[in-house]
Amino acid sequence: MRENLLIQKLWNVFLRKKMEQEMAASEQIDNAFKAIKTETGVTDVQEMVKKFLTREQTYSTLLVNVNDSERKIEQLKTDNDHLRAKLHELKIDSSAVQEGEGNPEDKFQDEEIVEMRQKIAE
C-alpha cells in the first residue's frame, strides 16, 4: 500500500511538471488569442481560424482579379490608341476631300483600286 502511495505521488509530480511545461509552451498562443478576442469580440477559436484561412484565400483571389483588370486596362488603352489614330486618319482624309483633293469615294477604298480607276479614266 505504501509503495502504491509513493508511486502515485511520483506520478503526480511527473504529470504536474509536464502540465506546467505544456502550459508554458502554449502561453504565447493563448495570449495571442486573448488579444484577438478582446479586440474583435470573437470568442470561438474555430471561427477565428476560419476567418484567417478565408482571408488568405480572399486576398489571393483579389490579387488575381487585380492582375486581370490591369491586363484588360492595358488592352483597352492600346485599342483606344489604335482607334484614335484611325480616327485621326479619317479626319485628315475627310478634310482633304472637303478641300477638293480627289474623289470622295477614293478615300474609303484600297489604293490599288484607286490606281486602277485612274488608269481606266485615262
N, C-alpha and C. Protein backbone atom coordinates (compact mmCIF):
# COMPACT_ATOMS: atom_id res chain seq x y z
N MET A 1 0.81 -1.18 0.00
CA MET A 1 0.00 0.00 0.00
C MET A 1 0.87 1.27 0.00
N ARG A 2 1.89 1.23 0.82
CA ARG A 2 2.80 2.35 0.90
C ARG A 2 3.51 2.57 -0.43
N GLU A 3 3.91 1.48 -1.06
CA GLU A 3 4.57 1.57 -2.36
C GLU A 3 3.64 2.19 -3.40
N ASN A 4 2.39 1.80 -3.34
CA ASN A 4 1.39 2.35 -4.26
C ASN A 4 1.24 3.85 -4.06
N LEU A 5 1.22 4.29 -2.80
CA LEU A 5 1.12 5.71 -2.49
C LEU A 5 2.33 6.47 -3.02
N LEU A 6 3.51 5.93 -2.84
CA LEU A 6 4.73 6.58 -3.34
C LEU A 6 4.74 6.65 -4.87
N ILE A 7 4.30 5.60 -5.51
CA ILE A 7 4.22 5.60 -6.98
C ILE A 7 3.22 6.65 -7.45
N GLN A 8 2.09 6.76 -6.77
CA GLN A 8 1.08 7.75 -7.13
C GLN A 8 1.61 9.17 -6.94
N LYS A 9 2.34 9.41 -5.87
CA LYS A 9 2.93 10.74 -5.63
C LYS A 9 3.95 11.08 -6.71
N LEU A 10 4.80 10.11 -7.02
CA LEU A 10 5.80 10.30 -8.06
C LEU A 10 5.12 10.60 -9.41
N TRP A 11 4.11 9.82 -9.73
CA TRP A 11 3.35 10.02 -10.97
C TRP A 11 2.69 11.40 -10.98
N ASN A 12 2.16 11.82 -9.85
CA ASN A 12 1.52 13.13 -9.72
C ASN A 12 2.53 14.26 -9.98
N VAL A 13 3.72 14.15 -9.42
CA VAL A 13 4.76 15.17 -9.61
C VAL A 13 5.17 15.21 -11.09
N PHE A 14 5.33 14.05 -11.70
CA PHE A 14 5.71 13.98 -13.11
C PHE A 14 4.65 14.65 -14.00
N LEU A 15 3.40 14.29 -13.78
CA LEU A 15 2.32 14.86 -14.59
C LEU A 15 2.17 16.37 -14.37
N ARG A 16 2.37 16.81 -13.14
CA ARG A 16 2.28 18.24 -12.83
C ARG A 16 3.37 19.02 -13.57
N LYS A 17 4.60 18.50 -13.57
CA LYS A 17 5.71 19.15 -14.29
C LYS A 17 5.42 19.19 -15.79
N LYS A 18 4.93 18.08 -16.31
CA LYS A 18 4.62 18.01 -17.73
C LYS A 18 3.53 19.03 -18.09
N MET A 19 2.51 19.15 -17.25
CA MET A 19 1.43 20.10 -17.47
C MET A 19 1.97 21.53 -17.45
N GLU A 20 2.85 21.85 -16.52
CA GLU A 20 3.43 23.19 -16.45
C GLU A 20 4.25 23.51 -17.70
N GLN A 21 5.00 22.54 -18.20
CA GLN A 21 5.78 22.73 -19.42
C GLN A 21 4.85 22.99 -20.62
N GLU A 22 3.80 22.21 -20.73
CA GLU A 22 2.84 22.39 -21.84
C GLU A 22 2.15 23.75 -21.76
N MET A 23 1.80 24.16 -20.54
CA MET A 23 1.15 25.46 -20.37
C MET A 23 2.10 26.60 -20.73
N ALA A 24 3.37 26.46 -20.37
CA ALA A 24 4.35 27.48 -20.70
C ALA A 24 4.56 27.55 -22.22
N ALA A 25 4.54 26.39 -22.86
CA ALA A 25 4.74 26.37 -24.31
C ALA A 25 3.55 27.00 -25.05
N SER A 26 2.37 26.81 -24.52
CA SER A 26 1.18 27.34 -25.22
C SER A 26 0.76 28.72 -24.72
N GLU A 27 1.51 29.29 -23.79
CA GLU A 27 1.15 30.59 -23.23
C GLU A 27 1.16 31.70 -24.29
N GLN A 28 2.14 31.68 -25.19
CA GLN A 28 2.23 32.70 -26.23
C GLN A 28 1.00 32.64 -27.15
N ILE A 29 0.61 31.44 -27.53
CA ILE A 29 -0.57 31.27 -28.39
C ILE A 29 -1.83 31.72 -27.65
N ASP A 30 -1.94 31.35 -26.38
CA ASP A 30 -3.09 31.77 -25.58
C ASP A 30 -3.17 33.28 -25.48
N ASN A 31 -2.04 33.92 -25.27
CA ASN A 31 -2.03 35.39 -25.18
C ASN A 31 -2.45 36.03 -26.50
N ALA A 32 -2.01 35.44 -27.61
CA ALA A 32 -2.40 35.97 -28.92
C ALA A 32 -3.90 35.84 -29.12
N PHE A 33 -4.46 34.69 -28.80
CA PHE A 33 -5.91 34.51 -28.93
C PHE A 33 -6.68 35.43 -28.00
N LYS A 34 -6.17 35.65 -26.80
CA LYS A 34 -6.84 36.57 -25.88
C LYS A 34 -6.83 37.99 -26.42
N ALA A 35 -5.69 38.39 -27.00
CA ALA A 35 -5.62 39.74 -27.58
C ALA A 35 -6.59 39.88 -28.74
N ILE A 36 -6.66 38.87 -29.58
CA ILE A 36 -7.61 38.91 -30.71
C ILE A 36 -9.03 38.94 -30.19
N LYS A 37 -9.30 38.15 -29.18
CA LYS A 37 -10.64 38.07 -28.59
C LYS A 37 -11.07 39.43 -28.03
N THR A 38 -10.17 40.12 -27.33
CA THR A 38 -10.54 41.41 -26.75
C THR A 38 -10.71 42.47 -27.83
N GLU A 39 -9.93 42.40 -28.91
CA GLU A 39 -10.02 43.39 -29.98
C GLU A 39 -11.24 43.18 -30.87
N THR A 40 -11.54 41.92 -31.18
CA THR A 40 -12.61 41.64 -32.14
C THR A 40 -13.92 41.24 -31.48
N GLY A 41 -13.87 40.71 -30.30
CA GLY A 41 -15.08 40.25 -29.64
C GLY A 41 -15.48 38.84 -30.04
N VAL A 42 -14.70 38.20 -30.89
CA VAL A 42 -14.97 36.83 -31.32
C VAL A 42 -14.43 35.88 -30.26
N THR A 43 -15.29 34.99 -29.77
CA THR A 43 -14.86 34.09 -28.70
C THR A 43 -14.58 32.68 -29.19
N ASP A 44 -15.09 32.32 -30.35
CA ASP A 44 -14.91 30.96 -30.87
C ASP A 44 -13.57 30.86 -31.60
N VAL A 45 -12.70 29.97 -31.11
CA VAL A 45 -11.38 29.80 -31.70
C VAL A 45 -11.49 29.28 -33.13
N GLN A 46 -12.38 28.33 -33.36
CA GLN A 46 -12.55 27.78 -34.71
C GLN A 46 -12.98 28.86 -35.70
N GLU A 47 -13.82 29.76 -35.25
CA GLU A 47 -14.27 30.86 -36.12
C GLU A 47 -13.10 31.78 -36.47
N MET A 48 -12.22 32.05 -35.48
CA MET A 48 -11.04 32.88 -35.75
C MET A 48 -10.14 32.22 -36.78
N VAL A 49 -9.89 30.94 -36.62
CA VAL A 49 -9.03 30.22 -37.55
C VAL A 49 -9.64 30.24 -38.94
N LYS A 50 -10.95 30.02 -39.01
CA LYS A 50 -11.64 30.03 -40.31
C LYS A 50 -11.53 31.40 -40.98
N LYS A 51 -11.65 32.46 -40.20
CA LYS A 51 -11.54 33.81 -40.76
C LYS A 51 -10.15 34.06 -41.31
N PHE A 52 -9.13 33.62 -40.60
CA PHE A 52 -7.76 33.81 -41.08
C PHE A 52 -7.53 33.03 -42.38
N LEU A 53 -8.03 31.80 -42.44
CA LEU A 53 -7.85 30.99 -43.65
C LEU A 53 -8.60 31.58 -44.83
N THR A 54 -9.84 32.01 -44.62
CA THR A 54 -10.61 32.58 -45.73
C THR A 54 -10.06 33.93 -46.13
N ARG A 55 -9.48 34.66 -45.22
CA ARG A 55 -8.88 35.96 -45.56
C ARG A 55 -7.73 35.77 -46.53
N GLU A 56 -6.92 34.73 -46.31
CA GLU A 56 -5.80 34.46 -47.21
C GLU A 56 -6.30 34.07 -48.61
N GLN A 57 -7.35 33.26 -48.65
CA GLN A 57 -7.92 32.87 -49.94
C GLN A 57 -8.52 34.08 -50.64
N THR A 58 -9.20 34.92 -49.90
CA THR A 58 -9.80 36.13 -50.48
C THR A 58 -8.71 37.05 -51.01
N TYR A 59 -7.62 37.18 -50.30
CA TYR A 59 -6.51 38.03 -50.72
C TYR A 59 -5.92 37.53 -52.04
N SER A 60 -5.72 36.21 -52.14
CA SER A 60 -5.15 35.67 -53.39
C SER A 60 -6.13 35.84 -54.54
N THR A 61 -7.43 35.69 -54.28
CA THR A 61 -8.44 35.90 -55.32
C THR A 61 -8.44 37.36 -55.77
N LEU A 62 -8.31 38.27 -54.83
CA LEU A 62 -8.26 39.69 -55.18
C LEU A 62 -7.02 40.03 -56.01
N LEU A 63 -5.89 39.42 -55.69
CA LEU A 63 -4.68 39.65 -56.48
C LEU A 63 -4.87 39.19 -57.92
N VAL A 64 -5.50 38.04 -58.10
CA VAL A 64 -5.76 37.54 -59.45
C VAL A 64 -6.69 38.50 -60.19
N ASN A 65 -7.74 38.97 -59.51
CA ASN A 65 -8.68 39.90 -60.14
C ASN A 65 -8.00 41.21 -60.52
N VAL A 66 -7.12 41.71 -59.66
CA VAL A 66 -6.41 42.95 -59.96
C VAL A 66 -5.52 42.77 -61.18
N ASN A 67 -4.81 41.65 -61.25
CA ASN A 67 -3.95 41.39 -62.42
C ASN A 67 -4.77 41.31 -63.70
N ASP A 68 -5.91 40.63 -63.64
CA ASP A 68 -6.78 40.55 -64.82
C ASP A 68 -7.28 41.92 -65.23
N SER A 69 -7.67 42.72 -64.26
CA SER A 69 -8.16 44.07 -64.56
C SER A 69 -7.07 44.94 -65.17
N GLU A 70 -5.86 44.83 -64.65
CA GLU A 70 -4.75 45.62 -65.20
C GLU A 70 -4.46 45.20 -66.64
N ARG A 71 -4.53 43.89 -66.92
CA ARG A 71 -4.33 43.42 -68.28
C ARG A 71 -5.41 43.96 -69.21
N LYS A 72 -6.65 43.95 -68.74
CA LYS A 72 -7.75 44.48 -69.54
C LYS A 72 -7.58 45.98 -69.80
N ILE A 73 -7.13 46.71 -68.78
CA ILE A 73 -6.92 48.15 -68.93
C ILE A 73 -5.85 48.41 -69.99
N GLU A 74 -4.75 47.66 -69.93
CA GLU A 74 -3.68 47.83 -70.92
C GLU A 74 -4.19 47.53 -72.33
N GLN A 75 -4.99 46.47 -72.45
CA GLN A 75 -5.54 46.12 -73.77
C GLN A 75 -6.47 47.22 -74.26
N LEU A 76 -7.29 47.74 -73.39
CA LEU A 76 -8.21 48.82 -73.77
C LEU A 76 -7.45 50.09 -74.15
N LYS A 77 -6.34 50.36 -73.45
CA LYS A 77 -5.53 51.53 -73.80
C LYS A 77 -4.95 51.40 -75.20
N THR A 78 -4.41 50.22 -75.51
CA THR A 78 -3.84 50.03 -76.85
C THR A 78 -4.92 50.09 -77.91
N ASP A 79 -6.09 49.49 -77.63
CA ASP A 79 -7.21 49.58 -78.58
C ASP A 79 -7.64 51.03 -78.77
N ASN A 80 -7.69 51.78 -77.68
CA ASN A 80 -8.08 53.19 -77.75
C ASN A 80 -7.08 54.00 -78.58
N ASP A 81 -5.79 53.75 -78.35
CA ASP A 81 -4.77 54.46 -79.13
C ASP A 81 -4.89 54.13 -80.62
N HIS A 82 -5.11 52.86 -80.91
CA HIS A 82 -5.26 52.44 -82.31
C HIS A 82 -6.48 53.12 -82.94
N LEU A 83 -7.58 53.15 -82.24
CA LEU A 83 -8.79 53.77 -82.78
C LEU A 83 -8.64 55.28 -82.91
N ARG A 84 -7.93 55.91 -81.98
CA ARG A 84 -7.67 57.35 -82.09
C ARG A 84 -6.85 57.66 -83.35
N ALA A 85 -5.84 56.83 -83.59
CA ALA A 85 -5.01 57.03 -84.79
C ALA A 85 -5.84 56.86 -86.05
N LYS A 86 -6.71 55.86 -86.05
CA LYS A 86 -7.57 55.62 -87.21
C LYS A 86 -8.54 56.80 -87.40
N LEU A 87 -9.09 57.31 -86.32
CA LEU A 87 -10.00 58.45 -86.39
C LEU A 87 -9.26 59.67 -86.92
N HIS A 88 -8.03 59.85 -86.47
CA HIS A 88 -7.22 60.98 -86.94
C HIS A 88 -7.00 60.87 -88.46
N GLU A 89 -6.69 59.66 -88.93
CA GLU A 89 -6.50 59.45 -90.37
C GLU A 89 -7.79 59.77 -91.13
N LEU A 90 -8.90 59.32 -90.58
CA LEU A 90 -10.18 59.58 -91.25
C LEU A 90 -10.50 61.07 -91.28
N LYS A 91 -10.15 61.77 -90.22
CA LYS A 91 -10.38 63.23 -90.21
C LYS A 91 -9.51 63.91 -91.25
N ILE A 92 -8.26 63.47 -91.38
CA ILE A 92 -7.36 64.04 -92.39
C ILE A 92 -7.91 63.76 -93.78
N ASP A 93 -8.35 62.52 -94.02
CA ASP A 93 -8.93 62.16 -95.32
C ASP A 93 -10.17 62.98 -95.61
N SER A 94 -10.99 63.17 -94.60
CA SER A 94 -12.23 63.93 -94.77
C SER A 94 -11.93 65.38 -95.09
N SER A 95 -10.93 65.96 -94.42
CA SER A 95 -10.58 67.36 -94.69
C SER A 95 -9.98 67.49 -96.09
N ALA A 96 -9.24 66.48 -96.57
CA ALA A 96 -8.68 66.53 -97.92
C ALA A 96 -9.78 66.49 -98.96
N VAL A 97 -10.82 65.71 -98.69
CA VAL A 97 -11.95 65.62 -99.62
C VAL A 97 -12.70 66.95 -99.65
N GLN A 98 -12.87 67.56 -98.49
CA GLN A 98 -13.58 68.84 -98.44
C GLN A 98 -12.80 69.94 -99.15
N GLU A 99 -11.49 69.85 -99.17
CA GLU A 99 -10.67 70.85 -99.85
C GLU A 99 -10.63 70.61 -101.36
N GLY A 100 -11.27 69.53 -101.82
CA GLY A 100 -11.36 69.26 -103.24
C GLY A 100 -10.26 68.40 -103.78
N GLU A 101 -9.51 67.73 -102.94
CA GLU A 101 -8.44 66.86 -103.41
C GLU A 101 -8.98 65.46 -103.64
N GLY A 102 -9.16 65.06 -104.85
CA GLY A 102 -9.52 63.70 -105.19
C GLY A 102 -11.00 63.41 -105.08
N ASN A 103 -11.34 62.22 -105.43
CA ASN A 103 -12.70 61.72 -105.42
C ASN A 103 -13.06 61.24 -104.01
N PRO A 104 -14.22 61.61 -103.46
CA PRO A 104 -14.57 61.19 -102.10
C PRO A 104 -14.63 59.68 -101.95
N GLU A 105 -15.02 58.99 -103.01
CA GLU A 105 -15.10 57.53 -102.93
C GLU A 105 -13.73 56.91 -102.78
N ASP A 106 -12.71 57.58 -103.32
CA ASP A 106 -11.35 57.03 -103.30
C ASP A 106 -10.78 56.95 -101.88
N LYS A 107 -11.21 57.82 -101.00
CA LYS A 107 -10.63 57.89 -99.66
C LYS A 107 -10.99 56.67 -98.81
N PHE A 108 -12.06 55.96 -99.15
CA PHE A 108 -12.50 54.84 -98.34
C PHE A 108 -12.23 53.51 -99.02
N GLN A 109 -11.41 53.53 -100.07
CA GLN A 109 -11.09 52.30 -100.80
C GLN A 109 -9.59 52.06 -100.77
N ASP A 110 -9.25 50.89 -101.21
CA ASP A 110 -7.86 50.49 -101.26
C ASP A 110 -7.10 51.31 -102.30
N GLU A 111 -5.82 51.54 -102.10
CA GLU A 111 -5.01 52.34 -103.02
C GLU A 111 -4.93 51.68 -104.39
N GLU A 112 -4.91 50.37 -104.41
CA GLU A 112 -4.85 49.64 -105.67
C GLU A 112 -6.08 49.91 -106.53
N ILE A 113 -7.23 49.94 -105.88
CA ILE A 113 -8.48 50.21 -106.60
C ILE A 113 -8.47 51.63 -107.14
N VAL A 114 -7.98 52.56 -106.36
CA VAL A 114 -7.92 53.96 -106.80
C VAL A 114 -7.02 54.09 -108.02
N GLU A 115 -5.85 53.42 -108.01
CA GLU A 115 -4.93 53.48 -109.15
C GLU A 115 -5.56 52.87 -110.39
N MET A 116 -6.25 51.76 -110.23
CA MET A 116 -6.93 51.13 -111.40
C MET A 116 -7.99 52.05 -111.97
N ARG A 117 -8.74 52.73 -111.13
CA ARG A 117 -9.75 53.67 -111.62
C ARG A 117 -9.09 54.79 -112.42
N GLN A 118 -7.97 55.27 -111.91
CA GLN A 118 -7.27 56.34 -112.63
C GLN A 118 -6.80 55.87 -114.00
N LYS A 119 -6.29 54.63 -114.08
CA LYS A 119 -5.84 54.09 -115.36
C LYS A 119 -7.02 53.95 -116.34
N ILE A 120 -8.14 53.51 -115.82
CA ILE A 120 -9.34 53.37 -116.67
C ILE A 120 -9.79 54.73 -117.16
N ALA A 121 -9.76 55.72 -116.30
CA ALA A 121 -10.18 57.06 -116.70
C ALA A 121 -9.26 57.63 -117.77
N GLU A 122 -7.99 57.30 -117.74
CA GLU A 122 -7.05 57.81 -118.73
C GLU A 122 -7.31 57.14 -120.05
